Protein backbone atom coordinates (compact mmCIF):
# COMPACT_ATOMS: atom_id res chain seq x y z
CA MET A 1 48.10 -215.47 -19.23
CA LYS A 2 47.07 -215.52 -15.57
CA LYS A 3 48.87 -212.21 -15.02
CA VAL A 4 46.93 -210.64 -17.90
CA ILE A 5 43.63 -211.88 -16.47
CA ILE A 6 44.54 -210.60 -13.00
CA VAL A 7 45.47 -207.19 -14.44
CA LEU A 8 42.16 -207.02 -16.36
CA VAL A 9 40.24 -207.97 -13.23
CA VAL A 10 42.04 -205.30 -11.20
CA ILE A 11 41.30 -202.69 -13.89
CA ALA A 12 37.66 -203.74 -14.05
CA VAL A 13 37.28 -203.59 -10.27
CA ALA A 14 39.00 -200.22 -10.13
CA GLY A 15 36.82 -198.90 -12.93
CA LEU A 16 33.72 -200.20 -11.20
CA GLY A 17 34.88 -198.58 -7.97
CA VAL A 18 35.47 -195.23 -9.67
CA TYR A 19 32.09 -195.44 -11.40
CA SER A 20 30.38 -196.34 -8.12
CA ILE A 21 32.01 -193.43 -6.30
CA LYS A 22 31.15 -191.02 -9.12
CA SER A 23 27.58 -192.34 -9.29
CA TYR A 24 27.25 -191.98 -5.52
CA MET A 25 28.56 -188.42 -5.64
CA ASP A 26 26.31 -187.53 -8.58
CA ASN A 27 23.25 -188.87 -6.81
CA ALA A 28 24.15 -187.48 -3.39
CA ILE A 29 22.10 -184.36 -4.01
CA TYR A 30 18.97 -186.48 -4.44
CA ARG A 31 19.42 -187.62 -0.84
CA ASN A 32 20.33 -184.16 0.42
CA PRO A 33 17.40 -182.77 2.49
CA ALA A 34 18.49 -179.22 1.62
CA PHE A 35 17.33 -179.66 -2.00
CA ALA A 36 14.33 -181.03 -3.88
CA SER A 37 13.60 -181.50 -7.56
CA GLY A 38 10.86 -182.38 -10.02
CA ASN A 39 10.41 -182.86 -13.75
CA GLY A 40 8.51 -180.33 -15.82
CA ARG A 41 8.30 -178.29 -19.01
CA LEU A 42 8.78 -174.61 -19.66
CA GLU A 43 5.53 -172.71 -19.79
CA ALA A 44 4.62 -169.06 -20.28
CA THR A 45 1.64 -166.83 -19.65
CA GLU A 46 -0.70 -167.02 -22.64
CA ILE A 47 -2.69 -164.06 -23.94
CA ASN A 48 -5.63 -164.22 -26.33
CA VAL A 49 -5.74 -161.17 -28.60
CA ALA A 50 -9.47 -160.73 -29.20
CA THR A 51 -11.86 -158.37 -30.92
CA LYS A 52 -13.82 -155.95 -28.77
CA LEU A 53 -16.93 -155.91 -30.96
CA SER A 54 -18.66 -158.26 -33.36
CA GLU A 55 -16.67 -157.54 -36.52
CA LYS A 56 -15.17 -159.06 -39.66
CA VAL A 57 -11.43 -159.74 -39.80
CA GLU A 58 -9.96 -157.50 -42.52
CA LYS A 59 -6.29 -158.46 -42.31
CA VAL A 60 -3.83 -160.37 -40.11
CA TYR A 61 -0.27 -159.03 -40.30
CA VAL A 62 1.64 -161.76 -38.43
CA THR A 63 2.26 -165.49 -38.79
CA ASP A 64 2.54 -168.41 -36.38
CA GLY A 65 5.75 -168.38 -34.38
CA GLU A 66 6.60 -164.76 -35.19
CA PHE A 67 8.16 -162.64 -32.47
CA VAL A 68 6.39 -159.29 -32.03
CA LYS A 69 7.07 -156.22 -29.93
CA LYS A 70 4.68 -154.41 -27.65
CA GLY A 71 2.43 -152.03 -29.60
CA GLN A 72 3.05 -153.75 -32.95
CA LEU A 73 0.00 -154.01 -35.23
CA LEU A 74 -1.16 -157.63 -35.35
CA ALA A 75 -4.52 -157.53 -37.12
CA LYS A 76 -7.20 -155.12 -38.31
CA MET A 77 -10.96 -155.51 -38.16
CA GLN A 78 -13.33 -154.04 -40.73
CA THR A 79 -14.53 -150.58 -39.64
CA ASN A 80 -16.96 -149.47 -42.40
CA VAL A 81 -19.99 -149.49 -40.08
CA LEU A 82 -18.07 -147.77 -37.28
CA GLU A 83 -16.85 -145.03 -39.60
CA ALA A 84 -20.45 -144.38 -40.69
CA GLN A 85 -21.48 -144.22 -37.03
CA LEU A 86 -18.66 -141.77 -36.35
CA ALA A 87 -19.79 -139.50 -39.19
CA GLN A 88 -23.32 -139.57 -37.81
CA ALA A 89 -22.08 -138.81 -34.28
CA LYS A 90 -20.02 -135.85 -35.50
CA ALA A 91 -23.05 -134.53 -37.40
CA GLN A 92 -25.07 -134.77 -34.19
CA VAL A 93 -22.40 -132.72 -32.41
CA ALA A 94 -22.70 -130.02 -35.08
CA VAL A 95 -26.51 -130.00 -34.75
CA LYS A 96 -26.32 -129.75 -30.97
CA LYS A 97 -23.85 -126.86 -31.20
CA ALA A 98 -26.24 -125.03 -33.53
CA GLU A 99 -29.05 -125.62 -31.05
CA LEU A 100 -26.85 -124.22 -28.28
CA ALA A 101 -26.13 -121.07 -30.29
CA SER A 102 -29.88 -120.62 -30.88
CA ALA A 103 -30.62 -121.15 -27.18
CA GLN A 104 -27.97 -118.60 -26.20
CA ALA A 105 -29.50 -116.06 -28.59
CA VAL A 106 -32.90 -116.65 -26.96
CA VAL A 107 -31.34 -116.02 -23.55
CA LEU A 108 -30.04 -112.64 -24.75
CA GLN A 109 -33.49 -111.75 -26.08
CA LYS A 110 -35.29 -112.90 -22.93
CA ASN A 111 -32.78 -111.09 -20.75
CA SER A 112 -33.46 -107.82 -22.61
CA THR A 113 -37.21 -108.34 -22.33
CA ARG A 114 -36.90 -109.08 -18.62
CA ASP A 115 -34.80 -105.89 -18.05
CA ASN A 116 -37.44 -103.77 -19.76
CA ALA A 117 -40.21 -105.42 -17.76
CA TRP A 118 -38.22 -104.86 -14.55
CA ARG A 119 -37.85 -101.13 -15.24
CA ARG A 120 -41.58 -100.74 -16.06
CA PHE A 121 -42.51 -102.67 -12.93
CA LYS A 122 -40.27 -100.51 -10.69
CA ARG A 123 -41.62 -97.34 -12.33
CA ALA A 124 -45.20 -98.49 -11.78
CA GLU A 125 -44.37 -99.38 -8.20
CA TYR A 126 -43.10 -95.83 -7.61
CA LEU A 127 -46.06 -94.21 -9.34
CA VAL A 128 -48.63 -96.25 -7.46
CA SER A 129 -46.98 -95.24 -4.18
CA LYS A 130 -47.50 -91.62 -5.23
CA LYS A 131 -51.07 -92.30 -6.33
CA ALA A 132 -49.97 -91.30 -9.85
CA THR A 133 -51.16 -94.50 -11.53
CA SER A 134 -53.80 -97.11 -10.96
CA GLU A 135 -53.38 -100.36 -9.06
CA GLN A 136 -54.42 -102.20 -12.21
CA THR A 137 -51.54 -100.75 -14.19
CA PHE A 138 -49.15 -101.70 -11.40
CA ASP A 139 -50.51 -105.27 -11.32
CA ASN A 140 -50.20 -105.59 -15.11
CA ASP A 141 -46.58 -104.39 -15.12
CA LYS A 142 -45.76 -106.74 -12.23
CA ALA A 143 -47.30 -109.69 -14.07
CA LEU A 144 -45.36 -108.82 -17.24
CA PHE A 145 -42.12 -108.70 -15.25
CA LEU A 146 -42.75 -112.06 -13.56
CA ALA A 147 -43.58 -113.64 -16.90
CA ALA A 148 -40.43 -112.22 -18.52
CA ASP A 149 -38.34 -113.45 -15.58
CA ALA A 150 -39.79 -116.98 -15.89
CA GLU A 151 -39.13 -117.01 -19.63
CA LEU A 152 -35.49 -116.01 -18.97
CA VAL A 153 -35.09 -118.88 -16.48
CA ALA A 154 -36.55 -121.30 -19.03
CA ALA A 155 -34.23 -119.97 -21.75
CA LYS A 156 -31.18 -120.45 -19.50
CA ALA A 157 -32.35 -123.98 -18.72
CA ALA A 158 -32.54 -124.63 -22.46
CA VAL A 159 -28.90 -123.50 -22.78
CA VAL A 160 -27.83 -125.92 -20.02
CA GLN A 161 -29.75 -128.70 -21.73
CA ALA A 162 -28.13 -127.88 -25.08
CA GLN A 163 -24.68 -127.94 -23.47
CA ALA A 164 -25.44 -131.34 -21.93
CA SER A 165 -26.63 -132.61 -25.31
CA ILE A 166 -23.35 -131.51 -26.89
CA LYS A 167 -21.36 -133.36 -24.22
CA ALA A 168 -23.44 -136.50 -24.80
CA ALA A 169 -22.98 -136.27 -28.57
CA GLU A 170 -19.24 -135.68 -28.20
CA ALA A 171 -18.98 -138.65 -25.80
CA ASP A 172 -20.77 -140.82 -28.34
CA ALA A 173 -18.34 -139.69 -31.04
CA ARG A 174 -15.36 -140.45 -28.78
CA ARG A 175 -16.79 -143.89 -28.03
CA VAL A 176 -17.03 -144.69 -31.73
CA GLU A 177 -13.50 -143.33 -32.27
CA GLU A 178 -12.24 -145.64 -29.51
CA ASP A 179 -14.08 -148.56 -31.12
CA ILE A 180 -12.36 -147.78 -34.41
CA LYS A 181 -9.01 -147.53 -32.62
CA ASP A 182 -9.63 -150.84 -30.84
CA SER A 183 -10.40 -152.45 -34.19
CA SER A 184 -6.66 -152.29 -34.87
CA LEU A 185 -5.37 -155.11 -32.66
CA VAL A 186 -1.89 -154.41 -31.31
CA ALA A 187 0.43 -156.57 -29.22
CA PRO A 188 -0.20 -155.92 -25.50
CA ILE A 189 3.28 -157.24 -24.65
CA SER A 190 6.46 -158.31 -26.42
CA GLY A 191 6.16 -162.01 -27.10
CA ARG A 192 5.68 -164.74 -29.63
CA VAL A 193 2.59 -165.51 -31.69
CA GLN A 194 1.70 -169.11 -30.97
CA TYR A 195 -1.01 -169.51 -33.58
CA LYS A 196 -3.66 -167.65 -35.53
CA VAL A 197 -7.26 -168.48 -34.69
CA ALA A 198 -9.06 -166.42 -37.32
CA GLU A 199 -8.36 -165.57 -40.95
CA PRO A 200 -9.36 -162.53 -43.05
CA GLY A 201 -13.03 -162.59 -43.98
CA GLU A 202 -14.19 -164.40 -40.85
CA VAL A 203 -16.88 -162.68 -38.77
CA LEU A 204 -16.25 -162.92 -35.03
CA GLU A 205 -18.55 -162.31 -32.11
CA ALA A 206 -17.55 -159.73 -29.50
CA GLY A 207 -14.58 -161.14 -27.62
CA GLY A 208 -13.73 -163.53 -30.46
CA CYS A 209 -10.07 -164.61 -30.42
CA VAL A 210 -7.98 -163.61 -33.45
CA LEU A 211 -4.62 -165.00 -32.32
CA ASN A 212 -2.82 -166.39 -29.28
CA MET A 213 0.43 -165.03 -27.84
CA VAL A 214 2.86 -166.08 -25.12
CA ASP A 215 4.52 -163.59 -22.78
CA LEU A 216 8.20 -164.51 -23.01
CA THR A 217 9.06 -162.33 -20.02
CA ASP A 218 6.94 -164.54 -17.75
CA VAL A 219 8.34 -168.04 -18.26
CA TYR A 220 8.26 -170.71 -15.59
CA MET A 221 8.48 -174.45 -15.03
CA THR A 222 5.67 -176.28 -13.23
CA PHE A 223 6.71 -179.36 -11.27
CA PHE A 224 5.36 -181.47 -8.41
CA LEU A 225 6.73 -182.23 -4.96
CA PRO A 226 5.45 -184.66 -2.31
CA GLU A 227 3.63 -183.15 0.65
CA GLY A 228 6.51 -183.83 3.03
CA VAL A 229 8.81 -181.67 0.91
CA ALA A 230 6.37 -179.06 -0.44
CA GLY A 231 5.72 -177.79 3.08
CA LYS A 232 9.35 -176.69 3.31
CA VAL A 233 9.30 -174.68 0.07
CA ARG A 234 9.20 -170.92 0.58
CA ILE A 235 7.76 -168.45 -1.92
CA GLY A 236 10.77 -166.62 -3.32
CA ALA A 237 13.16 -169.49 -2.60
CA ASP A 238 16.12 -169.89 -4.96
CA ALA A 239 15.68 -172.44 -7.72
CA ARG A 240 17.60 -173.75 -10.69
CA ILE A 241 16.31 -175.18 -13.95
CA LEU A 242 18.20 -177.66 -16.11
CA LEU A 243 16.74 -178.11 -19.57
CA ASP A 244 17.26 -181.36 -21.45
CA ALA A 245 18.40 -179.29 -24.45
CA VAL A 246 21.20 -177.61 -22.44
CA PRO A 247 21.75 -179.88 -19.39
CA HIS A 248 25.06 -178.27 -18.44
CA VAL A 249 23.68 -174.73 -18.04
CA ALA A 250 21.89 -173.92 -14.78
CA ILE A 251 19.16 -171.32 -15.26
CA PRO A 252 18.34 -169.13 -12.22
CA ALA A 253 14.73 -169.03 -11.03
CA LYS A 254 12.59 -168.20 -8.02
CA ILE A 255 9.69 -170.13 -6.56
CA SER A 256 6.62 -168.04 -7.41
CA PHE A 257 3.80 -170.42 -6.47
CA VAL A 258 3.12 -173.40 -4.19
CA ALA A 259 -0.32 -174.96 -4.33
CA SER A 260 -2.28 -174.77 -1.08
CA VAL A 261 -4.13 -178.02 -1.81
CA ALA A 262 -2.54 -181.35 -2.65
CA GLN A 263 -3.52 -183.23 -5.79
CA PHE A 264 -2.66 -186.39 -7.63
CA THR A 265 0.42 -186.17 -9.79
CA PRO A 266 -0.34 -185.80 -13.53
CA LYS A 267 0.13 -188.77 -15.85
CA THR A 268 3.36 -187.24 -17.13
CA VAL A 269 5.16 -188.55 -14.03
CA GLU A 270 6.59 -191.87 -15.11
CA THR A 271 6.70 -194.19 -12.08
CA ARG A 272 3.52 -195.70 -10.70
CA ILE A 273 4.70 -195.26 -7.11
CA GLU A 274 5.10 -191.51 -7.61
CA ARG A 275 1.70 -191.24 -9.31
CA GLN A 276 0.08 -192.79 -6.27
CA LYS A 277 1.34 -190.05 -3.98
CA LEU A 278 -0.44 -186.80 -3.26
CA MET A 279 1.69 -184.03 -4.65
CA PHE A 280 1.76 -180.23 -4.54
CA ARG A 281 2.12 -178.16 -7.70
CA VAL A 282 5.05 -175.72 -7.61
CA LYS A 283 6.19 -173.03 -10.06
CA ALA A 284 9.77 -171.89 -10.57
CA ARG A 285 9.82 -168.58 -12.46
CA ILE A 286 12.92 -167.72 -14.50
CA ALA A 287 14.58 -164.38 -13.79
CA PRO A 288 12.88 -161.78 -16.07
CA GLU A 289 16.19 -159.93 -16.57
CA LEU A 290 17.68 -163.05 -18.16
CA LEU A 291 14.61 -163.65 -20.32
CA GLU A 292 14.72 -160.11 -21.70
CA ARG A 293 18.33 -160.60 -22.82
CA TYR A 294 17.54 -163.80 -24.71
CA ILE A 295 13.91 -163.18 -25.55
CA ASP A 296 14.43 -164.10 -29.22
CA LEU A 297 15.70 -167.55 -28.18
CA VAL A 298 13.14 -168.38 -25.48
CA LYS A 299 10.91 -171.33 -26.36
CA THR A 300 8.18 -172.93 -24.28
CA GLY A 301 7.51 -176.64 -24.05
CA LEU A 302 11.13 -177.64 -23.44
CA PRO A 303 11.40 -180.45 -20.83
CA GLY A 304 13.79 -180.34 -17.91
CA VAL A 305 14.26 -180.57 -14.17
CA ALA A 306 13.59 -177.85 -11.59
CA TRP A 307 15.64 -177.78 -8.40
CA VAL A 308 14.67 -175.81 -5.31
CA LYS A 309 16.80 -174.94 -2.29
CA LEU A 310 14.94 -175.86 0.90
CA ASP A 311 17.73 -174.65 3.17
CA PRO A 312 18.70 -171.02 2.38
CA LYS A 313 22.14 -171.58 3.92
CA ALA A 314 22.97 -174.58 1.73
CA GLU A 315 25.40 -174.18 -1.14
CA TRP A 316 24.42 -175.25 -4.63
CA PRO A 317 26.35 -178.27 -5.94
CA ASP A 318 28.75 -177.63 -8.79
CA PHE A 319 26.40 -178.74 -11.58
CA LEU A 320 23.74 -176.26 -10.37
CA LYS A 321 26.04 -173.30 -9.84
CA LEU A 322 25.61 -170.36 -12.20
CA SER A 323 28.30 -169.33 -14.61
CA ASP A 324 29.70 -165.86 -14.07
CA ARG A 325 28.04 -164.64 -17.28
CA VAL A 326 24.59 -166.02 -16.44
CA ALA A 327 24.78 -164.68 -12.88
CA LYS A 328 25.70 -161.21 -14.13
CA GLU A 329 23.00 -161.13 -16.80
CA ALA A 330 20.35 -162.33 -14.37
CA GLY A 331 21.47 -159.97 -11.62
CA VAL A 332 21.96 -162.88 -9.22
CA VAL A 333 24.56 -163.04 -6.45
CA LYS A 334 26.36 -166.37 -6.72
CA LYS A 335 26.14 -168.62 -3.66
């Protein structure tokens, strides 16, 4: 019996020793000054798809959670008033073109009148030099020429004004056309619709949000580091993200932001001691090349841990090393 007890004790001690060694090795990275980590959740850049003008929502073509591609039609605003304005603007263009044609005809007429007056004036000038006509006749012909010349200048100015009026009318028509085009709301990027804000029949003010999207090619994890560590973090430093949903897959990332001002840690940090420290907000952005490959599977809000390499020469521990497939898809050189 004593032998059995001794054997069990030896096994228990050995097991405890193995566990202690493994636990020490697993936690060694937390004491390694070459690395730092923080808890966070995946986030993405949000985009509000809004109406340009004060309009009524005619139709929404997508639903919450739907993945859409860049340029895809998301919603359409009512354009009855705009179409009426466009018809009016086009009619104004036609009127202005008719006025231009009339002004050009007047220029031709005034130009002919001015040529005739010029010839009479030059003939009178010659005759008066030969004493073959009176000074009065010469003065009358000169006055007629000057008047005809002024009328021609005025007629040409009317043509320029008519041309400017056409350009203004055409610009107004193009503006209305653009407003009609902008009333069809299309996806500015490929991403996921988070939620609809407005439904068909609702009247929105200019800039009113119709739906909210997330840019799934700009996904990052925000986490917090104490001031003593944050000062060592370089923009562009290598990072790894471990999601709770897939804890055995290291996701490559780069540090894209380090706050310049310290702040208190958010309430999401669990321990009171950590909440009492001043912390710096840091962002680790996932490689866009990897996101584009798995864009249909990317989801925001997933919790996890972000790791950052403080020493560029340090080697990632095994559990943070990239698999060959992930490294290739993300275009990352394994280190």
